[in-house]
Amino acid sequence: MTDITDLPALALSWHRAGRSVAIATVVQTWGSAPRSVGSQLVIDGDGAMEGSVSGGCVEGAVIVEAMEALDDGKPRVLDFGVSDDEAFAVGLACGGEIKVLVEPVGTAVPVPILENLVAARAQATPIAYVTDLQDGPPALAGVDIYPDRFRLDRSGVEPDGRTFVAIHNPPLRMIIVGAVHIAQPLVSMARACGYAPTLIDPRGAFGSEARFPGETILDDWPDEALAALKPDARTAVVTLTHDPKLDDPAIMAALRTDVFYLGCLGSTRTHAKRVARLEEAGFAPADIARIHAPVGMDIGGRQPAEIAVSVMAEVIATLRKAT
């Protein structure tokens, strides 16, 4: 079964099943739209659909155009003006404009391109789908071509007004070592910000379902858990135990990966001792400098939730290079 939330994979699955398929992608939209640029709708020749390109304002018109695109095999760019009344009906404060690219699979979207896109997404490899809105054809590109778009998760039209870049990034993850009181608000904040959180704590009394209902909790030793999780450049690691026996193995494991953020709880004095241990273990100054410690932005927070806010703010700023 194909995950219906993975729309490129769904489109490929439908095509392989012999169904005619078109992919509609939001290219430009108004600021208060419920669907961001890059959002997609997959439509087959019988009118079955998955996904969304708006809150309901233009879906019907897009489906009609998709049917015509499937008949002639040609892509098309659709421009819609949405009135204030129409926008209000779907929960928006005001109207505006939305531009949608409709591409039939097999003609406008070559099957090998779609297969490679789906494979890259399945392997958590960052990939961009790039096409000329005036005459195509599409191609795939890596992080080196559009580094800022990948960093900001920002699909959109290039300054030339015709090159559309759809960013397909792996999911954001946050690995939290230490199921302590700060971790409780932090996992909720991480999830609200689009991160998939995972807790690591071999101490059963801390990492319990009762304290973290519904969360993913690993009771392995931190370095072993990190090895299994394979953190990457879309992963933040936060250590909160205050216990070198638990934090240090996690820190060392994280420093051997390309995680974009590594934050460690503890005072300046505690971190100085941590640095000495890392130096003794053979880590270079440049490696140790990757650590954010004391963890979080200095906002004067004292309560667990306030500290969690400071951590989340620093993680976001690091990812988006706001600092």
Protein backbone atom coordinates (compact mmCIF):
# COMPACT_ATOMS: atom_id res chain seq x y z
CA MET A 1 0.00 0.00 0.00
CA THR A 2 1.21 3.50 -0.86
CA ASP A 3 1.09 6.17 1.84
CA ILE A 4 -1.53 8.62 0.57
CA THR A 5 0.37 11.45 2.25
CA ASP A 6 3.30 10.79 -0.12
CA LEU A 7 1.68 12.22 -3.22
CA PRO A 8 4.54 11.68 -5.71
CA ALA A 9 4.66 8.01 -4.69
CA LEU A 10 0.89 7.79 -4.97
CA ALA A 11 0.96 9.29 -8.46
CA LEU A 12 3.60 6.77 -9.51
CA SER A 13 1.61 3.91 -7.98
CA TRP A 14 -1.54 4.96 -9.87
CA HIS A 15 0.40 5.28 -13.13
CA ARG A 16 1.93 1.83 -12.72
CA ALA A 17 -1.57 0.46 -12.12
CA GLY A 18 -2.57 1.70 -15.57
CA ARG A 19 -4.46 4.79 -14.47
CA SER A 20 -4.00 8.11 -16.26
CA VAL A 21 -2.66 10.57 -13.69
CA ALA A 22 -2.03 14.30 -13.43
CA ILE A 23 -0.20 16.14 -10.67
CA ALA A 24 -1.31 19.66 -9.72
CA THR A 25 1.17 21.76 -7.76
CA VAL A 26 0.74 25.17 -6.13
CA VAL A 27 3.23 27.52 -7.75
CA GLN A 28 2.20 30.84 -6.25
CA THR A 29 -0.50 31.85 -3.81
CA TRP A 30 -1.80 34.56 -1.49
CA GLY A 31 -0.23 35.10 1.91
CA SER A 32 -3.07 33.70 4.02
CA ALA A 33 -3.67 30.57 1.94
CA PRO A 34 -4.22 27.28 3.78
CA ARG A 35 -1.95 25.42 1.35
CA SER A 36 1.63 26.52 0.85
CA VAL A 37 3.58 26.73 -2.39
CA GLY A 38 4.60 23.19 -3.35
CA SER A 39 1.36 21.61 -2.08
CA GLN A 40 -0.01 19.01 -4.46
CA LEU A 41 -3.18 17.35 -5.69
CA VAL A 42 -3.10 14.05 -7.59
CA ILE A 43 -6.00 13.37 -9.97
CA ASP A 44 -6.73 10.32 -12.11
CA GLY A 45 -8.78 10.01 -15.29
CA ASP A 46 -11.90 9.00 -13.38
CA GLY A 47 -11.77 12.04 -11.14
CA ALA A 48 -10.35 10.30 -8.05
CA MET A 49 -8.07 12.63 -6.14
CA GLU A 50 -5.80 12.90 -3.13
CA GLY A 51 -4.18 15.98 -1.65
CA SER A 52 -5.16 19.64 -1.90
CA VAL A 53 -4.11 22.85 -3.59
CA SER A 54 -6.45 25.17 -1.68
CA GLY A 55 -9.02 25.16 1.04
CA GLY A 56 -11.69 24.33 -1.51
CA CYS A 57 -11.72 27.55 -3.54
CA VAL A 58 -10.31 26.16 -6.78
CA GLU A 59 -10.13 22.35 -6.50
CA GLY A 60 -13.12 21.82 -8.79
CA ALA A 61 -11.67 23.97 -11.55
CA VAL A 62 -8.27 22.31 -11.20
CA ILE A 63 -9.81 18.85 -11.59
CA VAL A 64 -11.61 19.94 -14.78
CA GLU A 65 -8.36 21.30 -16.21
CA ALA A 66 -6.52 18.14 -15.14
CA MET A 67 -8.97 16.02 -17.13
CA GLU A 68 -8.30 18.13 -20.22
CA ALA A 69 -4.55 17.86 -19.62
CA LEU A 70 -4.86 14.08 -19.47
CA ASP A 71 -6.67 14.16 -22.84
CA ASP A 72 -4.07 16.26 -24.66
CA GLY A 73 -0.99 15.24 -22.62
CA LYS A 74 0.11 18.85 -22.17
CA PRO A 75 0.95 20.75 -18.97
CA ARG A 76 -0.75 23.99 -18.14
CA VAL A 77 -0.42 26.81 -15.63
CA LEU A 78 -3.71 27.95 -14.14
CA ASP A 79 -4.27 31.39 -12.65
CA PHE A 80 -7.17 31.97 -10.28
CA GLY A 81 -8.38 35.16 -8.69
CA VAL A 82 -10.11 34.43 -5.41
CA SER A 83 -12.63 36.96 -4.17
CA ASP A 84 -12.84 38.05 -0.55
CA ASP A 85 -16.17 36.25 -0.19
CA GLU A 86 -14.77 32.99 -1.59
CA ALA A 87 -11.71 33.23 0.63
CA PHE A 88 -13.80 33.91 3.73
CA ALA A 89 -15.92 30.84 2.99
CA VAL A 90 -12.88 28.59 3.38
CA GLY A 91 -11.49 30.32 6.45
CA LEU A 92 -9.24 33.02 4.96
CA ALA A 93 -9.26 36.65 5.93
CA CYS A 94 -8.99 37.96 2.38
CA GLY A 95 -8.77 36.89 -1.23
CA GLY A 96 -5.92 37.03 -3.67
CA GLU A 97 -4.39 34.95 -6.44
CA ILE A 98 -3.30 31.36 -6.77
CA LYS A 99 -1.29 29.79 -9.57
CA VAL A 100 -1.35 26.02 -10.10
CA LEU A 101 0.79 23.90 -12.41
CA VAL A 102 -0.96 20.81 -13.83
CA GLU A 103 1.26 18.09 -15.32
CA PRO A 104 0.14 14.75 -16.79
CA VAL A 105 2.39 11.86 -15.75
CA GLY A 106 4.09 10.14 -18.66
CA THR A 107 4.11 13.20 -20.92
CA ALA A 108 4.76 16.43 -19.01
CA VAL A 109 6.30 14.43 -16.14
CA PRO A 110 8.55 11.71 -17.60
CA VAL A 111 8.16 8.49 -15.63
CA PRO A 112 11.94 8.16 -14.96
CA ILE A 113 11.93 11.64 -13.39
CA LEU A 114 9.00 10.70 -11.14
CA GLU A 115 10.63 7.36 -10.25
CA ASN A 116 13.87 9.09 -9.25
CA LEU A 117 11.97 11.68 -7.22
CA VAL A 118 10.06 8.98 -5.36
CA ALA A 119 13.26 6.99 -4.75
CA ALA A 120 15.06 10.05 -3.35
CA ARG A 121 12.17 10.80 -1.00
CA ALA A 122 12.09 7.18 0.17
CA GLN A 123 15.81 7.35 0.94
CA ALA A 124 15.43 10.70 2.79
CA THR A 125 17.65 12.38 0.19
CA PRO A 126 16.96 16.11 -0.34
CA ILE A 127 15.85 16.66 -3.92
CA ALA A 128 14.34 19.49 -5.97
CA TYR A 129 11.90 19.08 -8.84
CA VAL A 130 12.64 21.88 -11.30
CA THR A 131 10.60 22.82 -14.34
CA ASP A 132 10.18 25.71 -16.78
CA LEU A 133 6.62 26.96 -16.47
CA GLN A 134 6.62 28.03 -20.12
CA ASP A 135 8.01 25.02 -21.95
CA GLY A 136 9.60 22.49 -19.54
CA PRO A 137 10.94 19.84 -19.44
CA PRO A 138 11.39 19.02 -15.74
CA ALA A 139 14.62 17.90 -14.11
CA LEU A 140 15.89 17.03 -10.63
CA ALA A 141 18.51 19.03 -8.72
CA GLY A 142 20.42 18.68 -5.47
CA VAL A 143 21.12 20.87 -2.46
CA ASP A 144 24.19 22.43 -4.08
CA ILE A 145 22.05 24.12 -6.75
CA TYR A 146 19.44 25.67 -4.44
CA PRO A 147 21.02 25.69 -0.93
CA ASP A 148 18.89 28.52 0.44
CA ARG A 149 15.64 26.99 -0.74
CA PHE A 150 16.52 23.67 0.90
CA ARG A 151 17.55 25.37 4.14
CA LEU A 152 14.33 27.35 4.29
CA ASP A 153 12.07 24.58 2.93
CA ARG A 154 10.97 27.15 0.37
CA SER A 155 9.52 26.05 -2.96
CA GLY A 156 8.83 28.82 -5.45
CA VAL A 157 9.47 30.57 -8.73
CA GLU A 158 13.00 31.82 -9.41
CA PRO A 159 13.66 35.51 -10.20
CA ASP A 160 13.43 34.72 -13.93
CA GLY A 161 9.68 34.35 -13.44
CA ARG A 162 9.47 30.98 -15.17
CA THR A 163 11.65 28.42 -13.34
CA PHE A 164 9.66 26.67 -10.63
CA VAL A 165 11.56 24.80 -7.91
CA ALA A 166 9.67 22.35 -5.70
CA ILE A 167 11.70 21.38 -2.65
CA HIS A 168 11.38 17.83 -1.30
CA ASN A 169 13.25 17.69 1.99
CA PRO A 170 13.41 14.73 4.38
CA PRO A 171 11.33 15.17 7.54
CA LEU A 172 12.74 17.24 10.39
CA ARG A 173 13.59 15.21 13.50
CA MET A 174 14.49 16.04 17.08
CA ILE A 175 16.24 13.46 19.23
CA ILE A 176 16.01 14.27 22.94
CA VAL A 177 18.35 12.46 25.31
CA GLY A 178 16.89 12.47 28.80
CA ALA A 179 13.16 12.17 29.49
CA VAL A 180 13.32 14.85 32.16
CA HIS A 181 10.82 17.57 33.06
CA ILE A 182 12.08 19.95 30.35
CA ALA A 183 11.54 17.24 27.74
CA GLN A 184 7.81 17.14 28.44
CA PRO A 185 6.99 20.58 26.97
CA LEU A 186 9.83 20.28 24.45
CA VAL A 187 8.39 17.25 22.66
CA SER A 188 5.08 19.06 22.25
CA MET A 189 6.75 22.20 20.93
CA ALA A 190 8.94 20.20 18.56
CA ARG A 191 5.94 18.43 17.11
CA ALA A 192 4.04 21.71 16.72
CA CYS A 193 7.00 23.11 14.78
CA GLY A 194 7.04 20.19 12.35
CA TYR A 195 9.67 17.96 13.98
CA ALA A 196 9.21 14.26 14.67
CA PRO A 197 10.53 13.87 18.26
CA THR A 198 12.19 10.77 19.67
CA LEU A 199 13.09 10.39 23.35
CA ILE A 200 16.06 8.34 24.53
CA ASP A 201 16.41 7.34 28.18
CA PRO A 202 17.45 3.94 29.55
CA ARG A 203 15.95 4.87 32.94
CA GLY A 204 12.49 3.39 32.94
CA ALA A 205 11.18 5.69 35.64
CA PHE A 206 11.91 8.70 33.40
CA GLY A 207 11.08 7.42 29.93
CA SER A 208 7.64 6.06 30.70
CA GLU A 209 4.43 6.07 28.69
CA ALA A 210 2.68 7.67 31.66
CA ARG A 211 4.98 10.70 31.54
CA PHE A 212 5.11 10.91 27.72
CA PRO A 213 1.86 9.45 26.38
CA GLY A 214 1.99 8.56 22.72
CA GLU A 215 5.64 9.52 22.24
CA THR A 216 8.41 7.38 20.76
CA ILE A 217 10.69 6.40 23.67
CA LEU A 218 13.85 4.31 23.30
CA ASP A 219 15.39 2.71 26.38
CA ASP A 220 18.72 1.85 24.73
CA TRP A 221 21.99 3.43 25.75
CA PRO A 222 22.14 6.82 24.00
CA ASP A 223 25.01 6.09 21.61
CA GLU A 224 23.41 2.80 20.56
CA ALA A 225 20.05 4.49 20.04
CA LEU A 226 21.62 7.24 17.95
CA ALA A 227 23.42 4.69 15.80
CA ALA A 228 20.09 3.02 15.07
CA LEU A 229 18.32 6.32 14.37
CA LYS A 230 21.01 7.48 11.90
CA PRO A 231 20.70 11.24 12.51
CA ASP A 232 21.28 13.41 9.46
CA ALA A 233 21.43 17.06 8.41
CA ARG A 234 17.68 17.40 9.12
CA THR A 235 18.11 16.26 12.72
CA ALA A 236 18.51 18.22 15.97
CA VAL A 237 19.92 16.48 19.05
CA VAL A 238 19.30 17.85 22.55
CA THR A 239 20.85 16.29 25.67
CA LEU A 240 19.10 17.01 28.98
CA THR A 241 20.15 14.38 31.53
CA HIS A 242 22.90 16.35 33.27
CA ASP A 243 24.62 12.97 33.68
CA PRO A 244 27.90 12.56 31.74
CA LYS A 245 27.39 8.79 31.65
CA LEU A 246 24.33 9.37 29.48
CA ASP A 247 24.98 12.71 27.81
CA ASP A 248 28.59 12.16 26.77
CA PRO A 249 28.00 9.02 24.65
CA ALA A 250 25.14 10.82 22.89
CA ILE A 251 27.21 13.96 22.30
CA MET A 252 30.13 11.98 20.90
CA ALA A 253 27.82 10.00 18.63
CA ALA A 254 26.10 13.16 17.40
CA LEU A 255 29.42 14.92 16.70
CA ARG A 256 30.31 12.08 14.33
CA THR A 257 27.24 12.90 12.20
CA ASP A 258 26.10 15.97 10.29
CA VAL A 259 23.22 16.93 12.61
CA PHE A 260 22.44 20.61 12.12
CA TYR A 261 22.00 21.25 15.84
CA LEU A 262 23.48 19.78 19.01
CA GLY A 263 22.44 21.44 22.26
CA CYS A 264 23.43 20.36 25.76
CA LEU A 265 21.90 21.31 29.08
CA GLY A 266 24.24 22.53 31.77
CA SER A 267 25.91 25.62 33.14
CA THR A 268 29.02 27.24 31.68
CA ARG A 269 31.08 25.47 34.33
CA THR A 270 29.46 22.14 33.50
CA HIS A 271 30.17 22.69 29.81
CA ALA A 272 33.82 23.50 30.51
CA LYS A 273 34.19 20.10 32.16
CA ARG A 274 32.37 18.53 29.20
CA VAL A 275 34.78 20.20 26.77
CA ALA A 276 37.75 18.81 28.70
CA ARG A 277 36.32 15.29 28.45
CA LEU A 278 35.70 15.67 24.73
CA GLU A 279 39.22 16.96 24.16
CA GLU A 280 40.58 14.01 26.08
CA ALA A 281 38.49 11.73 23.86
CA GLY A 282 40.18 13.22 20.78
CA PHE A 283 37.57 15.65 19.48
CA ALA A 284 38.96 18.71 17.70
CA PRO A 285 38.07 22.28 18.73
CA ALA A 286 36.03 22.73 15.54
CA ASP A 287 33.93 19.70 16.44
CA ILE A 288 33.35 20.84 20.00
CA ALA A 289 32.39 24.33 18.76
CA ARG A 290 29.31 22.79 17.13
CA ILE A 291 27.77 22.31 20.57
CA HIS A 292 25.24 24.87 21.78
CA ALA A 293 25.81 25.09 25.51
CA PRO A 294 24.29 26.16 27.75
CA VAL A 295 21.42 24.96 25.58
CA GLY A 296 18.85 27.42 24.26
CA MET A 297 18.67 31.14 23.59
CA ASP A 298 19.25 33.35 26.60
CA ILE A 299 15.71 34.62 27.20
CA GLY A 300 15.93 34.45 30.97
CA GLY A 301 13.72 31.39 31.21
CA ARG A 302 13.60 29.41 34.45
CA GLN A 303 10.54 27.18 34.25
CA PRO A 304 10.69 23.94 32.21
CA ALA A 305 8.36 25.30 29.54
CA GLU A 306 10.35 28.53 29.30
CA ILE A 307 13.58 26.58 28.86
CA ALA A 308 11.87 24.45 26.22
CA VAL A 309 10.86 27.64 24.39
CA SER A 310 14.46 28.84 24.43
CA VAL A 311 15.68 25.49 23.09
CA MET A 312 13.10 25.42 20.31
CA ALA A 313 13.91 29.00 19.35
CA GLU A 314 17.61 28.22 19.07
CA VAL A 315 16.96 25.08 17.03
CA ILE A 316 14.79 27.02 14.58
CA ALA A 317 17.29 29.89 14.36
CA THR A 318 20.12 27.45 13.69
CA LEU A 319 18.21 25.64 10.95
CA ARG A 320 17.11 28.83 9.26
CA LYS A 321 20.43 30.60 9.91
CA ALA A 322 18.66 33.45 11.66
CA THR A 323 21.50 34.05 14.10
